Amino acid sequence: MISVISPCFNEESVLPSFLEAIEKIIKNSDHEFELILVDNNSSDSTWEKMKLNEKKFKNIKLIKFSNYFGKEAAILAGIDNCKGDAAIIIDPDLEDPPELITEMIDQWKQGHEVVLTQRSSEDVSYTKKILKSFFYKILIFSSEKNQKIYRDSGDFRLIDKKIINHLKNMRERTRFLRGLVSYIGYNQTIIEFERPFRKKGESKSSYSFLYKYALDSLFSFSNVPISLITKCGFSLLFFLLIFTLFLIFQKLMGKPIEGFTTVLLLIGLTSSFNIIAIGLVGEYVSRIYTEVKNRPSYIISKIYDNESSSS
């Protein structure tokens, strides 16, 4: 069985087209499928559209959150509730083409436990392209040698049951699926595709969302930022020692540097470094605080499957 997991948030305009595409793939496949739709407490009629279309599928599970818990939590809920020998994670906005599912399954049958997808092109603004490029460069730089992150590779992927079982045991609150799958390892391959233009609905990737996602991804995945503080601290100390020796030398040569400019520059330099260092440490501390509270990653208010309904 293949599980198709789709995290949804305010997808009323695109959901019928997405389900139609998934239905066509299931009918043309020899595999058995289960479809898991997770509604992240949408403010539109996403849940109602799910219920209207559920009779089209033999194996379907609908999950509704009691509040908005984020995309990573929605993916985790799908993983926790899936029964397949492999799971495919796909957004319902049709920017990740469902037609690739057949090729992903073929790669899985050839022995790849993880089948990633990589966007060779996508229709986004120039500003977002620059920001995404910067994000991936930092993320790749911060990755451990045994943890490979692919540029422009999103959550659209196939993962084998082995990976699913490992992910179920990783219960950290601040999650980064791409990093976790990379950490788990196994035999991975990648499929390139051109990302189509979004025909319906609005993108959820606002600049504030991307900023928060970038911070969560970096600080939950890598220890490099906090290690970098130590290296920068020693570098700054070395620079200040050299500069102090230079000032002493100038004084002995009878050419002291006058004025407050140099002093103010040094104070500004050290203060900026301290503020950045405290901020970076604070990011890690805040995530530790979130983890030790041990709250659930999500709360389900309604769940429906083919056998029972609690909606």
Protein backbone atom coordinates (compact mmCIF):
# COMPACT_ATOMS: atom_id res chain seq x y z
CA MET A 1 0.00 0.00 0.00
CA ILE A 2 1.12 3.55 -0.81
CA SER A 3 0.06 6.35 1.54
CA VAL A 4 -0.42 9.81 0.04
CA ILE A 5 -0.18 12.49 2.74
CA SER A 6 -1.30 16.03 1.98
CA PRO A 7 -1.15 18.87 4.55
CA CYS A 8 -3.92 21.39 3.84
CA PHE A 9 -4.54 24.96 4.96
CA ASN A 10 -7.18 27.12 3.26
CA GLU A 11 -7.14 25.06 0.07
CA GLU A 12 -10.85 25.20 -0.84
CA SER A 13 -10.18 26.58 -4.34
CA VAL A 14 -7.60 24.00 -5.39
CA LEU A 15 -8.60 20.89 -3.40
CA PRO A 16 -11.18 19.49 -5.89
CA SER A 17 -8.64 19.66 -8.76
CA PHE A 18 -5.98 18.04 -6.60
CA LEU A 19 -8.27 15.19 -5.56
CA GLU A 20 -9.30 14.66 -9.17
CA ALA A 21 -5.64 14.32 -10.16
CA ILE A 22 -4.96 11.87 -7.31
CA GLU A 23 -8.08 9.84 -8.20
CA LYS A 24 -6.84 9.49 -11.80
CA ILE A 25 -3.43 8.26 -10.64
CA ILE A 26 -4.99 5.70 -8.29
CA LYS A 27 -7.28 4.34 -11.03
CA ASN A 28 -4.36 3.92 -13.43
CA SER A 29 -2.08 2.20 -10.92
CA ASP A 30 -1.76 -1.44 -9.89
CA HIS A 31 -0.91 -0.41 -6.34
CA GLU A 32 -3.31 0.01 -3.45
CA PHE A 33 -3.44 3.56 -2.09
CA GLU A 34 -4.61 5.31 1.03
CA LEU A 35 -5.17 9.07 1.00
CA ILE A 36 -4.58 11.10 4.18
CA LEU A 37 -5.68 14.75 4.18
CA VAL A 38 -4.74 16.85 7.21
CA ASP A 39 -6.66 20.11 7.66
CA ASN A 40 -4.60 22.61 9.67
CA ASN A 41 -7.72 24.26 11.12
CA SER A 42 -8.49 26.13 7.89
CA SER A 43 -10.65 29.24 8.08
CA ASP A 44 -12.36 28.46 4.75
CA SER A 45 -14.39 25.43 3.61
CA THR A 46 -11.41 23.08 3.16
CA TRP A 47 -12.80 20.54 5.66
CA GLU A 48 -16.23 20.56 4.01
CA LYS A 49 -14.62 20.04 0.58
CA MET A 50 -12.71 17.07 2.02
CA LYS A 51 -15.92 15.50 3.32
CA LEU A 52 -17.71 16.06 -0.01
CA ASN A 53 -15.01 14.20 -1.95
CA GLU A 54 -14.25 11.35 0.47
CA LYS A 55 -16.64 8.88 -1.20
CA LYS A 56 -14.48 8.90 -4.34
CA PHE A 57 -11.73 6.97 -2.55
CA LYS A 58 -11.65 3.43 -1.21
CA ASN A 59 -9.11 4.19 1.54
CA ILE A 60 -9.20 7.72 2.88
CA LYS A 61 -8.53 9.35 6.22
CA LEU A 62 -9.47 12.95 7.01
CA ILE A 63 -7.84 14.68 9.99
CA LYS A 64 -8.73 18.13 11.33
CA PHE A 65 -6.61 20.01 13.86
CA SER A 66 -8.15 21.93 16.76
CA ASN A 67 -5.86 24.87 15.98
CA TYR A 68 -3.20 25.87 13.46
CA PHE A 69 -0.07 23.90 14.37
CA GLY A 70 1.97 24.44 11.20
CA LYS A 71 2.82 22.41 8.12
CA GLU A 72 5.46 20.24 9.81
CA ALA A 73 2.90 19.16 12.42
CA ALA A 74 0.38 18.34 9.68
CA ILE A 75 2.95 16.15 7.91
CA LEU A 76 3.76 14.44 11.21
CA ALA A 77 0.06 13.72 11.84
CA GLY A 78 -0.15 12.11 8.41
CA ILE A 79 2.94 10.02 9.10
CA ASP A 80 1.61 8.96 12.51
CA ASN A 81 -1.64 7.76 10.95
CA CYS A 82 -0.42 6.15 7.73
CA LYS A 83 -0.38 2.39 7.12
CA GLY A 84 1.48 2.23 3.81
CA ASP A 85 4.70 0.45 2.90
CA ALA A 86 5.76 3.87 1.60
CA ALA A 87 4.38 7.39 1.97
CA ILE A 88 4.32 10.26 -0.51
CA ILE A 89 4.12 13.78 0.93
CA ILE A 90 2.61 16.30 -1.47
CA ASP A 91 1.00 19.73 -1.13
CA PRO A 92 -2.49 20.06 -2.65
CA ASP A 93 -1.71 23.31 -4.52
CA LEU A 94 -0.66 21.39 -7.71
CA GLU A 95 2.69 23.22 -7.80
CA ASP A 96 4.17 19.79 -7.09
CA PRO A 97 2.74 17.74 -9.99
CA PRO A 98 0.89 14.58 -8.87
CA GLU A 99 1.90 12.99 -12.18
CA LEU A 100 5.38 12.42 -10.71
CA ILE A 101 3.95 9.95 -8.19
CA THR A 102 4.15 7.07 -10.69
CA GLU A 103 7.83 7.76 -11.38
CA MET A 104 8.55 8.07 -7.65
CA ILE A 105 6.98 4.67 -7.02
CA ASP A 106 9.06 3.16 -9.84
CA GLN A 107 12.23 4.51 -8.20
CA TRP A 108 11.10 3.09 -4.86
CA LYS A 109 10.53 -0.34 -6.41
CA GLN A 110 14.10 -0.20 -7.74
CA GLY A 111 15.39 -0.10 -4.17
CA HIS A 112 15.51 3.58 -3.20
CA GLU A 113 14.13 4.13 0.30
CA VAL A 114 13.90 7.91 -0.25
CA VAL A 115 12.85 9.53 -3.53
CA LEU A 116 13.33 13.30 -3.44
CA THR A 117 12.15 15.85 -5.97
CA GLN A 118 14.08 18.93 -7.03
CA ARG A 119 12.69 21.99 -8.80
CA SER A 120 14.77 22.88 -11.86
CA SER A 121 12.70 26.05 -12.27
CA GLU A 122 9.74 27.75 -10.61
CA ASP A 123 7.65 30.87 -11.13
CA VAL A 124 8.46 33.09 -8.12
CA SER A 125 9.53 36.70 -7.75
CA TYR A 126 13.17 37.70 -8.16
CA THR A 127 13.34 38.69 -4.48
CA LYS A 128 12.14 35.27 -3.34
CA LYS A 129 14.64 33.59 -5.65
CA ILE A 130 17.48 35.55 -4.06
CA LEU A 131 16.25 34.82 -0.52
CA LYS A 132 15.78 31.10 -1.26
CA SER A 133 19.25 30.89 -2.80
CA PHE A 134 20.72 32.55 0.31
CA PHE A 135 18.74 30.21 2.59
CA TYR A 136 19.94 27.06 0.85
CA LYS A 137 23.54 28.25 0.82
CA ILE A 138 23.45 28.80 4.60
CA LEU A 139 21.64 25.50 5.19
CA ILE A 140 24.07 23.51 3.04
CA PHE A 141 27.02 25.23 4.72
CA SER A 142 25.59 24.39 8.15
CA SER A 143 24.93 20.73 7.32
CA GLU A 144 27.11 17.94 8.66
CA LYS A 145 29.17 16.05 6.08
CA ASN A 146 26.94 12.98 6.38
CA GLN A 147 23.72 15.02 6.01
CA LYS A 148 23.12 16.14 2.44
CA ILE A 149 20.57 18.86 1.75
CA TYR A 150 19.59 19.40 -1.87
CA ARG A 151 18.92 22.90 -3.12
CA ASP A 152 15.32 23.55 -4.26
CA SER A 153 14.15 20.22 -2.88
CA GLY A 154 10.96 20.67 -0.90
CA ASP A 155 8.75 18.34 1.11
CA PHE A 156 7.42 16.56 -2.01
CA ARG A 157 9.03 13.16 -1.61
CA LEU A 158 8.52 9.43 -1.16
CA ILE A 159 9.77 7.74 2.00
CA ASP A 160 9.90 4.02 2.72
CA LYS A 161 8.27 2.45 5.79
CA LYS A 162 11.72 2.20 7.41
CA ILE A 163 12.03 5.98 7.33
CA ILE A 164 8.41 6.37 8.46
CA ASN A 165 9.08 4.26 11.56
CA HIS A 166 12.18 6.30 12.42
CA LEU A 167 10.29 9.58 11.97
CA LYS A 168 7.55 8.36 14.32
CA ASN A 169 10.18 7.95 17.03
CA MET A 170 11.57 11.48 16.53
CA ARG A 171 9.19 13.59 18.59
CA GLU A 172 10.95 16.95 18.76
CA ARG A 173 8.54 19.88 18.72
CA THR A 174 10.45 22.08 16.26
CA ARG A 175 10.73 19.84 13.24
CA PHE A 176 12.48 20.10 9.89
CA LEU A 177 11.42 17.13 7.77
CA ARG A 178 14.09 17.59 5.11
CA GLY A 179 16.81 17.61 7.75
CA LEU A 180 15.37 14.61 9.59
CA VAL A 181 15.16 12.51 6.42
CA SER A 182 18.73 13.51 5.55
CA TYR A 183 19.84 12.55 9.07
CA ILE A 184 18.18 9.12 8.84
CA GLY A 185 19.96 8.39 5.57
CA TYR A 186 19.32 5.16 3.60
CA ASN A 187 19.47 4.90 -0.20
CA GLN A 188 18.25 8.17 -1.73
CA THR A 189 17.65 9.37 -5.28
CA ILE A 190 16.28 12.56 -6.77
CA ILE A 191 13.90 13.47 -9.62
CA GLU A 192 14.07 16.90 -11.25
CA PHE A 193 10.98 18.70 -12.52
CA GLU A 194 9.82 22.14 -13.65
CA ARG A 195 7.44 23.58 -11.12
CA PRO A 196 4.24 24.75 -12.84
CA PHE A 197 2.59 28.11 -12.24
CA ARG A 198 0.04 28.13 -9.42
CA LYS A 199 -3.36 28.29 -11.12
CA LYS A 200 -5.66 28.61 -8.09
CA GLY A 201 -5.49 29.82 -4.51
CA GLU A 202 -2.81 31.91 -2.85
CA SER A 203 0.67 30.90 -1.79
CA LYS A 204 1.10 30.46 1.97
CA SER A 205 4.80 31.32 1.69
CA SER A 206 4.73 34.93 2.85
CA TYR A 207 8.00 36.61 3.77
CA SER A 208 7.23 36.30 7.50
CA PHE A 209 6.45 32.59 7.06
CA LEU A 210 9.68 32.03 5.10
CA TYR A 211 11.67 33.90 7.77
CA LYS A 212 10.28 31.79 10.60
CA TYR A 213 10.69 28.61 8.58
CA ALA A 214 14.31 29.48 7.81
CA LEU A 215 15.09 30.04 11.50
CA ASP A 216 13.34 26.83 12.58
CA SER A 217 15.11 24.88 9.85
CA LEU A 218 18.55 26.19 10.73
CA PHE A 219 18.38 26.07 14.52
CA SER A 220 16.62 22.70 14.72
CA PHE A 221 18.95 21.11 12.19
CA SER A 222 22.43 22.49 12.87
CA ASN A 223 24.77 23.46 15.71
CA VAL A 224 26.97 25.48 13.34
CA PRO A 225 25.55 28.94 14.30
CA ILE A 226 26.43 28.52 17.97
CA SER A 227 29.86 27.08 17.07
CA LEU A 228 30.37 30.05 14.81
CA ILE A 229 29.92 32.39 17.79
CA THR A 230 32.96 30.86 19.49
CA LYS A 231 35.06 31.14 16.33
CA CYS A 232 33.99 34.73 15.74
CA GLY A 233 34.66 35.55 19.40
CA PHE A 234 38.24 34.31 19.18
CA SER A 235 38.71 36.10 15.84
CA LEU A 236 37.43 39.34 17.35
CA LEU A 237 39.72 38.89 20.36
CA PHE A 238 42.70 38.35 18.06
CA PHE A 239 41.80 41.46 16.08
CA LEU A 240 41.52 43.56 19.25
CA LEU A 241 44.88 42.29 20.53
CA ILE A 242 46.56 43.20 17.24
CA PHE A 243 44.89 46.60 17.26
CA THR A 244 45.98 47.19 20.88
CA LEU A 245 49.58 46.37 19.98
CA PHE A 246 49.29 48.76 17.04
CA LEU A 247 48.07 51.56 19.34
CA ILE A 248 50.93 50.90 21.78
CA PHE A 249 53.41 50.98 18.92
CA GLN A 250 51.98 54.26 17.63
CA LYS A 251 52.22 55.72 21.16
CA LEU A 252 55.88 54.67 21.51
CA MET A 253 56.66 56.19 18.12
CA GLY A 254 55.14 59.46 19.24
CA LYS A 255 52.18 59.19 16.86
CA PRO A 256 49.19 58.43 19.07
CA ILE A 257 45.80 58.10 17.38
CA GLU A 258 43.62 60.95 18.57
CA GLY A 259 39.87 61.31 18.90
CA PHE A 260 36.93 59.16 19.85
CA THR A 261 36.29 57.70 16.38
CA THR A 262 38.44 54.63 16.92
CA VAL A 263 37.04 54.03 20.40
CA LEU A 264 33.47 54.35 19.19
CA LEU A 265 34.20 52.03 16.27
CA LEU A 266 35.59 49.35 18.60
CA ILE A 267 32.70 49.73 21.04
CA GLY A 268 30.21 49.43 18.18
CA LEU A 269 32.00 46.38 16.81
CA THR A 270 32.09 44.50 20.11
CA SER A 271 28.53 45.53 21.04
CA SER A 272 27.16 44.33 17.69
CA PHE A 273 28.92 41.02 18.11
CA ASN A 274 27.56 40.61 21.65
CA ILE A 275 24.00 41.37 20.56
CA ILE A 276 24.20 38.89 17.67
CA ALA A 277 25.75 36.24 19.94
CA ILE A 278 23.06 36.70 22.59
CA GLY A 279 20.37 36.52 19.89
CA LEU A 280 21.74 33.26 18.48
CA VAL A 281 22.00 31.71 21.93
CA GLY A 282 18.47 32.94 22.64
CA GLU A 283 17.15 31.14 19.54
CA TYR A 284 18.55 27.84 20.83
CA VAL A 285 17.35 28.48 24.40
CA SER A 286 13.82 29.28 23.21
CA ARG A 287 13.69 25.99 21.30
CA ILE A 288 14.98 24.10 24.33
CA TYR A 289 12.21 25.76 26.38
CA THR A 290 9.64 24.65 23.80
CA GLU A 291 10.94 21.08 23.92
CA VAL A 292 11.01 20.74 27.73
CA LYS A 293 7.36 21.79 28.01
CA ASN A 294 6.67 18.49 26.23
CA ARG A 295 3.46 19.67 24.64
CA PRO A 296 2.03 17.58 21.77
CA SER A 297 2.99 18.66 18.27
CA TYR A 298 -0.67 18.75 17.30
CA ILE A 299 -4.18 18.15 18.65
CA ILE A 300 -6.81 16.43 16.52
CA SER A 301 -10.37 17.68 16.88
CA LYS A 302 -11.98 15.53 14.17
CA ILE A 303 -10.93 12.39 12.35
CA TYR A 304 -12.71 10.37 9.71
CA ASP A 305 -11.81 7.16 7.94
CA ASN A 306 -13.69 4.51 5.98
CA GLU A 307 -14.55 2.49 9.06
CA SER A 308 -15.54 5.10 11.63
CA SER A 309 -16.22 8.79 12.01
CA SER A 310 -15.78 11.09 15.00
CA SER A 311 -16.61 14.28 13.16
